[in-house]
């Protein structure tokens, strides 16, 4: 990160909304994976990206944070889903 780039500042209200959205995202991911509807998973990513398109387009730093957060969230969701599926098969 260069000196000219700033870390995005997020209000408490936005942070709470982001947590709800993240939880819903992982819940949908779990549901789609358990039901083996893998083709619906990209819809989650598309909706999140569409909602943040303006910010992604105008702020490279935000875009990088967004991508990192999105990838980590998806990885976490997939891992939890795999554990859940494994437990269901026991």
Foldseek 3Di string as FASTA:
>chain_A
DDPVADADDDDPVRVVVVVVLLVVLLVVLLVCVLVVVVVCNVVSVVVVCVVCVVVVVPHVNVVVVVVVVVVVSVVVSVVVSVVVNVVVVD
